[in-house]
PDB file of all heavy atoms in Angstrom:
ATOM      1  N   GLU A   1       9.548 -11.450   8.112  1.00  0.00           N
ATOM      2  CA  GLU A   1       8.484 -11.027   7.138  1.00  0.00           C
ATOM      3  C   GLU A   1       8.582  -9.592   6.844  1.00  0.00           C
ATOM      4  O   GLU A   1       9.295  -8.821   7.506  1.00  0.00           O
ATOM      5  CB  GLU A   1       7.102 -11.331   7.784  1.00  0.00           C
ATOM      6  CG  GLU A   1       6.843 -12.820   8.034  1.00  0.00           C
ATOM      7  CD  GLU A   1       5.497 -12.985   8.683  1.00  0.00           C
ATOM      8  OE1 GLU A   1       4.796 -12.002   8.964  1.00  0.00           O
ATOM      9  OE2 GLU A   1       5.082 -14.160   8.777  1.00  0.00           O
ATOM     10  N   THR A   2       7.949  -9.130   5.703  1.00  0.00           N
ATOM     11  CA  THR A   2       8.088  -7.702   5.293  1.00  0.00           C
ATOM     12  C   THR A   2       6.661  -7.188   5.049  1.00  0.00           C
ATOM     13  O   THR A   2       5.668  -7.972   4.958  1.00  0.00           O
ATOM     14  CB  THR A   2       8.872  -7.513   3.998  1.00  0.00           C
ATOM     15  OG1 THR A   2       8.082  -8.025   2.883  1.00  0.00           O
ATOM     16  CG2 THR A   2      10.191  -8.211   4.141  1.00  0.00           C
ATOM     17  N   MET A   3       6.524  -5.892   5.034  1.00  0.00           N
ATOM     18  CA  MET A   3       5.272  -5.206   4.588  1.00  0.00           C
ATOM     19  C   MET A   3       5.753  -4.015   3.725  1.00  0.00           C
ATOM     20  O   MET A   3       6.777  -3.483   3.892  1.00  0.00           O
ATOM     21  CB  MET A   3       4.482  -4.814   5.778  1.00  0.00           C
ATOM     22  CG  MET A   3       5.121  -3.843   6.773  1.00  0.00           C
ATOM     23  SD  MET A   3       3.917  -3.543   8.145  1.00  0.00           S
ATOM     24  CE  MET A   3       4.996  -2.636   9.293  1.00  0.00           C
ATOM     25  N   LEU A   4       4.692  -3.685   2.953  1.00  0.00           N
ATOM     26  CA  LEU A   4       4.934  -2.568   1.936  1.00  0.00           C
ATOM     27  C   LEU A   4       4.234  -1.274   2.475  1.00  0.00           C
ATOM     28  O   LEU A   4       3.029  -1.321   2.719  1.00  0.00           O
ATOM     29  CB  LEU A   4       4.352  -2.990   0.565  1.00  0.00           C
ATOM     30  CG  LEU A   4       4.326  -1.892  -0.538  1.00  0.00           C
ATOM     31  CD1 LEU A   4       5.836  -1.418  -0.911  1.00  0.00           C
ATOM     32  CD2 LEU A   4       3.600  -2.450  -1.787  1.00  0.00           C
ATOM     33  N   TYR A   5       4.984  -0.228   2.537  1.00  0.00           N
ATOM     34  CA  TYR A   5       4.416   1.056   3.025  1.00  0.00           C
ATOM     35  C   TYR A   5       4.058   1.863   1.813  1.00  0.00           C
ATOM     36  O   TYR A   5       4.925   2.004   0.833  1.00  0.00           O
ATOM     37  CB  TYR A   5       5.436   1.881   3.905  1.00  0.00           C
ATOM     38  CG  TYR A   5       4.973   3.328   4.153  1.00  0.00           C
ATOM     39  CD1 TYR A   5       4.218   3.527   5.263  1.00  0.00           C
ATOM     40  CD2 TYR A   5       5.431   4.252   3.333  1.00  0.00           C
ATOM     41  CE1 TYR A   5       3.798   4.878   5.507  1.00  0.00           C
ATOM     42  CE2 TYR A   5       5.010   5.592   3.656  1.00  0.00           C
ATOM     43  CZ  TYR A   5       4.231   5.841   4.691  1.00  0.00           C
ATOM     44  OH  TYR A   5       3.905   7.145   4.992  1.00  0.00           O
ATOM     45  N   GLY A   6       2.920   2.499   1.829  1.00  0.00           N
ATOM     46  CA  GLY A   6       2.579   3.331   0.693  1.00  0.00           C
ATOM     47  C   GLY A   6       1.298   4.168   0.996  1.00  0.00           C
ATOM     48  O   GLY A   6       0.456   3.754   1.808  1.00  0.00           O
ATOM     49  N   SER A   7       1.103   5.270   0.328  1.00  0.00           N
ATOM     50  CA  SER A   7      -0.044   6.039   0.385  1.00  0.00           C
ATOM     51  C   SER A   7      -1.181   5.301  -0.390  1.00  0.00           C
ATOM     52  O   SER A   7      -0.890   4.495  -1.250  1.00  0.00           O
ATOM     53  CB  SER A   7       0.136   7.441  -0.162  1.00  0.00           C
ATOM     54  OG  SER A   7       0.297   7.339  -1.603  1.00  0.00           O
ATOM     55  N   LYS A   8      -2.363   5.749  -0.036  1.00  0.00           N
ATOM     56  CA  LYS A   8      -3.548   5.070  -0.723  1.00  0.00           C
ATOM     57  C   LYS A   8      -3.421   5.288  -2.311  1.00  0.00           C
ATOM     58  O   LYS A   8      -3.568   4.232  -3.040  1.00  0.00           O
ATOM     59  CB  LYS A   8      -4.804   5.743  -0.260  1.00  0.00           C
ATOM     60  CG  LYS A   8      -6.018   5.261  -1.001  1.00  0.00           C
ATOM     61  CD  LYS A   8      -7.353   6.012  -0.513  1.00  0.00           C
ATOM     62  CE  LYS A   8      -8.592   5.580  -1.157  1.00  0.00           C
ATOM     63  NZ  LYS A   8      -8.640   5.898  -2.660  1.00  0.00           N
ATOM     64  N   SER A   9      -3.021   6.408  -2.795  1.00  0.00           N
ATOM     65  CA  SER A   9      -3.027   6.681  -4.154  1.00  0.00           C
ATOM     66  C   SER A   9      -1.924   5.815  -4.858  1.00  0.00           C
ATOM     67  O   SER A   9      -2.181   5.231  -5.952  1.00  0.00           O
ATOM     68  CB  SER A   9      -2.854   8.143  -4.505  1.00  0.00           C
ATOM     69  OG  SER A   9      -1.590   8.597  -4.007  1.00  0.00           O
ATOM     70  N   TYR A  10      -0.732   5.755  -4.240  1.00  0.00           N
ATOM     71  CA  TYR A  10       0.355   4.977  -4.776  1.00  0.00           C
ATOM     72  C   TYR A  10       0.121   3.400  -4.667  1.00  0.00           C
ATOM     73  O   TYR A  10       0.500   2.700  -5.525  1.00  0.00           O
ATOM     74  CB  TYR A  10       1.624   5.367  -4.116  1.00  0.00           C
ATOM     75  CG  TYR A  10       2.204   6.710  -4.573  1.00  0.00           C
ATOM     76  CD1 TYR A  10       2.871   7.471  -3.608  1.00  0.00           C
ATOM     77  CD2 TYR A  10       1.967   7.190  -5.852  1.00  0.00           C
ATOM     78  CE1 TYR A  10       3.369   8.790  -4.026  1.00  0.00           C
ATOM     79  CE2 TYR A  10       2.426   8.436  -6.201  1.00  0.00           C
ATOM     80  CZ  TYR A  10       3.098   9.204  -5.313  1.00  0.00           C
ATOM     81  OH  TYR A  10       3.542  10.512  -5.673  1.00  0.00           O
ATOM     82  N   LEU A  11      -0.531   3.053  -3.585  1.00  0.00           N
ATOM     83  CA  LEU A  11      -0.885   1.610  -3.475  1.00  0.00           C
ATOM     84  C   LEU A  11      -1.792   1.211  -4.599  1.00  0.00           C
ATOM     85  O   LEU A  11      -1.722   0.088  -5.115  1.00  0.00           O
ATOM     86  CB  LEU A  11      -1.414   1.277  -2.164  1.00  0.00           C
ATOM     87  CG  LEU A  11      -0.395   1.285  -0.934  1.00  0.00           C
ATOM     88  CD1 LEU A  11      -1.225   1.337   0.361  1.00  0.00           C
ATOM     89  CD2 LEU A  11       0.486   0.164  -1.028  1.00  0.00           C
ATOM     90  N   GLU A  12      -2.695   2.052  -4.910  1.00  0.00           N
ATOM     91  CA  GLU A  12      -3.729   1.728  -6.018  1.00  0.00           C
ATOM     92  C   GLU A  12      -3.148   1.876  -7.356  1.00  0.00           C
ATOM     93  O   GLU A  12      -3.646   1.158  -8.314  1.00  0.00           O
ATOM     94  CB  GLU A  12      -4.902   2.720  -5.814  1.00  0.00           C
ATOM     95  CG  GLU A  12      -5.745   2.461  -4.505  1.00  0.00           C
ATOM     96  CD  GLU A  12      -6.786   3.482  -4.270  1.00  0.00           C
ATOM     97  OE1 GLU A  12      -6.656   4.646  -4.789  1.00  0.00           O
ATOM     98  OE2 GLU A  12      -7.713   3.120  -3.513  1.00  0.00           O
ATOM     99  N   SER A  13      -2.155   2.813  -7.617  1.00  0.00           N
ATOM    100  CA  SER A  13      -1.831   3.029  -8.939  1.00  0.00           C
ATOM    101  C   SER A  13      -0.411   2.472  -9.339  1.00  0.00           C
ATOM    102  O   SER A  13      -0.155   2.029 -10.398  1.00  0.00           O
ATOM    103  CB  SER A  13      -1.729   4.598  -9.264  1.00  0.00           C
ATOM    104  OG  SER A  13      -0.832   5.193  -8.280  1.00  0.00           O
ATOM    105  N   ILE A  14       0.499   2.569  -8.405  1.00  0.00           N
ATOM    106  CA  ILE A  14       1.953   2.155  -8.585  1.00  0.00           C
ATOM    107  C   ILE A  14       2.258   0.821  -7.925  1.00  0.00           C
ATOM    108  O   ILE A  14       2.870  -0.032  -8.629  1.00  0.00           O
ATOM    109  CB  ILE A  14       2.871   3.204  -8.047  1.00  0.00           C
ATOM    110  CG1 ILE A  14       2.734   4.540  -8.924  1.00  0.00           C
ATOM    111  CG2 ILE A  14       4.347   2.757  -8.216  1.00  0.00           C
ATOM    112  CD1 ILE A  14       3.505   5.668  -8.396  1.00  0.00           C
ATOM    113  N   TRP A  15       1.837   0.570  -6.713  1.00  0.00           N
ATOM    114  CA  TRP A  15       2.160  -0.597  -6.009  1.00  0.00           C
ATOM    115  C   TRP A  15       1.112  -1.710  -6.120  1.00  0.00           C
ATOM    116  O   TRP A  15       1.148  -2.696  -5.421  1.00  0.00           O
ATOM    117  CB  TRP A  15       2.414  -0.307  -4.504  1.00  0.00           C
ATOM    118  CG  TRP A  15       3.509   0.590  -4.149  1.00  0.00           C
ATOM    119  CD1 TRP A  15       3.539   1.889  -3.824  1.00  0.00           C
ATOM    120  CD2 TRP A  15       4.933   0.166  -4.339  1.00  0.00           C
ATOM    121  NE1 TRP A  15       4.772   2.323  -3.580  1.00  0.00           N
ATOM    122  CE2 TRP A  15       5.785   1.332  -3.959  1.00  0.00           C
ATOM    123  CE3 TRP A  15       5.623  -1.007  -4.701  1.00  0.00           C
ATOM    124  CZ2 TRP A  15       7.060   1.281  -3.900  1.00  0.00           C
ATOM    125  CZ3 TRP A  15       7.031  -1.014  -4.749  1.00  0.00           C
ATOM    126  CH2 TRP A  15       7.760   0.172  -4.262  1.00  0.00           C
ATOM    127  N   ALA A  16       0.156  -1.492  -7.025  1.00  0.00           N
ATOM    128  CA  ALA A  16      -0.960  -2.378  -7.106  1.00  0.00           C
ATOM    129  C   ALA A  16      -0.571  -3.900  -7.198  1.00  0.00           C
ATOM    130  O   ALA A  16      -1.172  -4.735  -6.427  1.00  0.00           O
ATOM    131  CB  ALA A  16      -1.858  -2.055  -8.294  1.00  0.00           C
ATOM    132  N   PRO A  17       0.357  -4.357  -7.963  1.00  0.00           N
ATOM    133  CA  PRO A  17       0.736  -5.745  -8.092  1.00  0.00           C
ATOM    134  C   PRO A  17       1.319  -6.287  -6.782  1.00  0.00           C
ATOM    135  O   PRO A  17       0.921  -7.350  -6.246  1.00  0.00           O
ATOM    136  CB  PRO A  17       1.901  -5.833  -9.150  1.00  0.00           C
ATOM    137  CG  PRO A  17       1.647  -4.595  -9.982  1.00  0.00           C
ATOM    138  CD  PRO A  17       1.104  -3.500  -9.057  1.00  0.00           C
ATOM    139  N   SER A  18       2.276  -5.507  -6.051  1.00  0.00           N
ATOM    140  CA  SER A  18       2.694  -5.939  -4.809  1.00  0.00           C
ATOM    141  C   SER A  18       1.688  -5.855  -3.685  1.00  0.00           C
ATOM    142  O   SER A  18       1.691  -6.742  -2.809  1.00  0.00           O
ATOM    143  CB  SER A  18       4.011  -5.152  -4.455  1.00  0.00           C
ATOM    144  OG  SER A  18       5.053  -5.495  -5.295  1.00  0.00           O
ATOM    145  N   ALA A  19       0.942  -4.780  -3.726  1.00  0.00           N
ATOM    146  CA  ALA A  19      -0.032  -4.641  -2.656  1.00  0.00           C
ATOM    147  C   ALA A  19      -1.113  -5.723  -2.681  1.00  0.00           C
ATOM    148  O   ALA A  19      -1.735  -6.062  -1.551  1.00  0.00           O
ATOM    149  CB  ALA A  19      -0.775  -3.218  -2.827  1.00  0.00           C
ATOM    150  N   ALA A  20      -1.371  -6.296  -3.777  1.00  0.00           N
ATOM    151  CA  ALA A  20      -2.302  -7.352  -3.951  1.00  0.00           C
ATOM    152  C   ALA A  20      -1.941  -8.624  -3.280  1.00  0.00           C
ATOM    153  O   ALA A  20      -2.814  -9.457  -2.957  1.00  0.00           O
ATOM    154  CB  ALA A  20      -2.716  -7.605  -5.405  1.00  0.00           C
ATOM    155  N   THR A  21      -0.673  -8.833  -3.131  1.00  0.00           N
ATOM    156  CA  THR A  21      -0.179 -10.148  -2.731  1.00  0.00           C
ATOM    157  C   THR A  21       0.662 -10.063  -1.490  1.00  0.00           C
ATOM    158  O   THR A  21       1.050 -11.110  -0.847  1.00  0.00           O
ATOM    159  CB  THR A  21       0.711 -10.837  -3.847  1.00  0.00           C
ATOM    160  OG1 THR A  21       1.825  -9.896  -4.223  1.00  0.00           O
ATOM    161  CG2 THR A  21      -0.105 -11.135  -5.021  1.00  0.00           C
ATOM    162  N   HIS A  22       1.000  -8.871  -0.992  1.00  0.00           N
ATOM    163  CA  HIS A  22       1.831  -8.730   0.232  1.00  0.00           C
ATOM    164  C   HIS A  22       1.125  -7.943   1.356  1.00  0.00           C
ATOM    165  O   HIS A  22       0.088  -7.296   1.139  1.00  0.00           O
ATOM    166  CB  HIS A  22       3.164  -7.984  -0.098  1.00  0.00           C
ATOM    167  CG  HIS A  22       4.046  -8.862  -0.998  1.00  0.00           C
ATOM    168  ND1 HIS A  22       4.752  -9.899  -0.492  1.00  0.00           N
ATOM    169  CD2 HIS A  22       4.328  -8.771  -2.374  1.00  0.00           C
ATOM    170  CE1 HIS A  22       5.457 -10.410  -1.520  1.00  0.00           C
ATOM    171  NE2 HIS A  22       5.231  -9.707  -2.656  1.00  0.00           N
ATOM    172  N   THR A  23       1.684  -8.001   2.507  1.00  0.00           N
ATOM    173  CA  THR A  23       1.156  -7.332   3.626  1.00  0.00           C
ATOM    174  C   THR A  23       1.452  -5.779   3.441  1.00  0.00           C
ATOM    175  O   THR A  23       2.538  -5.335   2.994  1.00  0.00           O
ATOM    176  CB  THR A  23       1.974  -7.762   4.928  1.00  0.00           C
ATOM    177  OG1 THR A  23       1.838  -9.096   5.149  1.00  0.00           O
ATOM    178  CG2 THR A  23       1.436  -6.942   6.194  1.00  0.00           C
ATOM    179  N   VAL A  24       0.395  -4.948   3.847  1.00  0.00           N
ATOM    180  CA  VAL A  24       0.515  -3.515   3.432  1.00  0.00           C
ATOM    181  C   VAL A  24       0.389  -2.682   4.764  1.00  0.00           C
ATOM    182  O   VAL A  24      -0.406  -2.994   5.707  1.00  0.00           O
ATOM    183  CB  VAL A  24      -0.689  -3.152   2.558  1.00  0.00           C
ATOM    184  CG1 VAL A  24      -0.902  -1.666   2.470  1.00  0.00           C
ATOM    185  CG2 VAL A  24      -0.412  -3.683   1.115  1.00  0.00           C
ATOM    186  N   TRP A  25       1.217  -1.616   4.774  1.00  0.00           N
ATOM    187  CA  TRP A  25       1.100  -0.502   5.702  1.00  0.00           C
ATOM    188  C   TRP A  25       0.494   0.691   4.993  1.00  0.00           C
ATOM    189  O   TRP A  25       1.221   1.314   4.204  1.00  0.00           O
ATOM    190  CB  TRP A  25       2.411  -0.199   6.422  1.00  0.00           C
ATOM    191  CG  TRP A  25       2.500   0.873   7.351  1.00  0.00           C
ATOM    192  CD1 TRP A  25       1.484   1.591   7.838  1.00  0.00           C
ATOM    193  CD2 TRP A  25       3.613   1.376   7.942  1.00  0.00           C
ATOM    194  NE1 TRP A  25       1.880   2.546   8.699  1.00  0.00           N
ATOM    195  CE2 TRP A  25       3.311   2.529   8.804  1.00  0.00           C
ATOM    196  CE3 TRP A  25       4.993   1.089   7.828  1.00  0.00           C
ATOM    197  CZ2 TRP A  25       4.113   3.289   9.533  1.00  0.00           C
ATOM    198  CZ3 TRP A  25       5.909   1.863   8.627  1.00  0.00           C
ATOM    199  CH2 TRP A  25       5.572   2.871   9.400  1.00  0.00           C
ATOM    200  N   LEU A  26      -0.773   0.972   5.187  1.00  0.00           N
ATOM    201  CA  LEU A  26      -1.356   2.070   4.446  1.00  0.00           C
ATOM    202  C   LEU A  26      -1.149   3.451   5.084  1.00  0.00           C
ATOM    203  O   LEU A  26      -1.302   3.542   6.274  1.00  0.00           O
ATOM    204  CB  LEU A  26      -2.851   1.785   4.458  1.00  0.00           C
ATOM    205  CG  LEU A  26      -3.819   2.914   3.940  1.00  0.00           C
ATOM    206  CD1 LEU A  26      -3.645   3.166   2.485  1.00  0.00           C
ATOM    207  CD2 LEU A  26      -5.293   2.505   4.323  1.00  0.00           C
ATOM    208  N   ALA A  27      -0.821   4.422   4.227  1.00  0.00           N
ATOM    209  CA  ALA A  27      -0.827   5.861   4.665  1.00  0.00           C
ATOM    210  C   ALA A  27      -2.012   6.546   4.018  1.00  0.00           C
ATOM    211  O   ALA A  27      -2.047   6.607   2.809  1.00  0.00           O
ATOM    212  CB  ALA A  27       0.507   6.494   4.301  1.00  0.00           C
ATOM    213  N   HIS A  28      -2.912   7.017   4.801  1.00  0.00           N
ATOM    214  CA  HIS A  28      -4.057   7.809   4.251  1.00  0.00           C
ATOM    215  C   HIS A  28      -4.536   8.712   5.407  1.00  0.00           C
ATOM    216  O   HIS A  28      -5.068   8.286   6.369  1.00  0.00           O
ATOM    217  CB  HIS A  28      -5.119   6.861   3.786  1.00  0.00           C
ATOM    218  CG  HIS A  28      -6.231   7.463   2.992  1.00  0.00           C
ATOM    219  ND1 HIS A  28      -7.522   6.847   2.812  1.00  0.00           N
ATOM    220  CD2 HIS A  28      -6.213   8.644   2.408  1.00  0.00           C
ATOM    221  CE1 HIS A  28      -8.184   7.667   2.182  1.00  0.00           C
ATOM    222  NE2 HIS A  28      -7.468   8.730   1.869  1.00  0.00           N
ATOM    223  N   TYR A  29      -4.344   9.945   5.178  1.00  0.00           N
ATOM    224  CA  TYR A  29      -4.530  11.033   6.172  1.00  0.00           C
ATOM    225  C   TYR A  29      -6.055  11.457   6.201  1.00  0.00           C
ATOM    226  O   TYR A  29      -6.373  12.410   5.512  1.00  0.00           O
ATOM    227  CB  TYR A  29      -3.574  12.173   6.045  1.00  0.00           C
ATOM    228  CG  TYR A  29      -2.169  11.803   6.235  1.00  0.00           C
ATOM    229  CD1 TYR A  29      -1.123  12.649   5.749  1.00  0.00           C
ATOM    230  CD2 TYR A  29      -1.753  10.532   6.713  1.00  0.00           C
ATOM    231  CE1 TYR A  29       0.127  12.299   5.826  1.00  0.00           C
ATOM    232  CE2 TYR A  29      -0.493  10.136   6.809  1.00  0.00           C
ATOM    233  CZ  TYR A  29       0.464  11.040   6.355  1.00  0.00           C
ATOM    234  OH  TYR A  29       1.784  10.572   6.466  1.00  0.00           O
ATOM    235  N   THR A  30      -6.890  10.704   6.759  1.00  0.00           N
ATOM    236  CA  THR A  30      -8.322  10.903   6.808  1.00  0.00           C
ATOM    237  C   THR A  30      -8.880  10.199   7.991  1.00  0.00           C
ATOM    238  O   THR A  30      -8.238   9.265   8.544  1.00  0.00           O
ATOM    239  CB  THR A  30      -8.958  10.342   5.529  1.00  0.00           C
ATOM    240  OG1 THR A  30     -10.333  10.549   5.552  1.00  0.00           O
ATOM    241  CG2 THR A  30      -8.684   8.933   5.272  1.00  0.00           C
ATOM    242  N   SER A  31     -10.084  10.640   8.391  1.00  0.00           N
ATOM    243  CA  SER A  31     -10.642  10.028   9.631  1.00  0.00           C
ATOM    244  C   SER A  31     -11.232   8.671   9.271  1.00  0.00           C
ATOM    245  O   SER A  31     -11.309   7.807  10.238  1.00  0.00           O
ATOM    246  CB  SER A  31     -11.841  10.883  10.142  1.00  0.00           C
ATOM    247  OG  SER A  31     -12.785  11.090   9.086  1.00  0.00           O
TER     248      SER A  31
END
């Protein structure tokens, strides 16, 4: 199996099609 790594902004703007249908590893530097 695979998962898509991406920052919050890129997952929302660039990777949106793949992020909607695949497993995601989110990068977001916040509490």
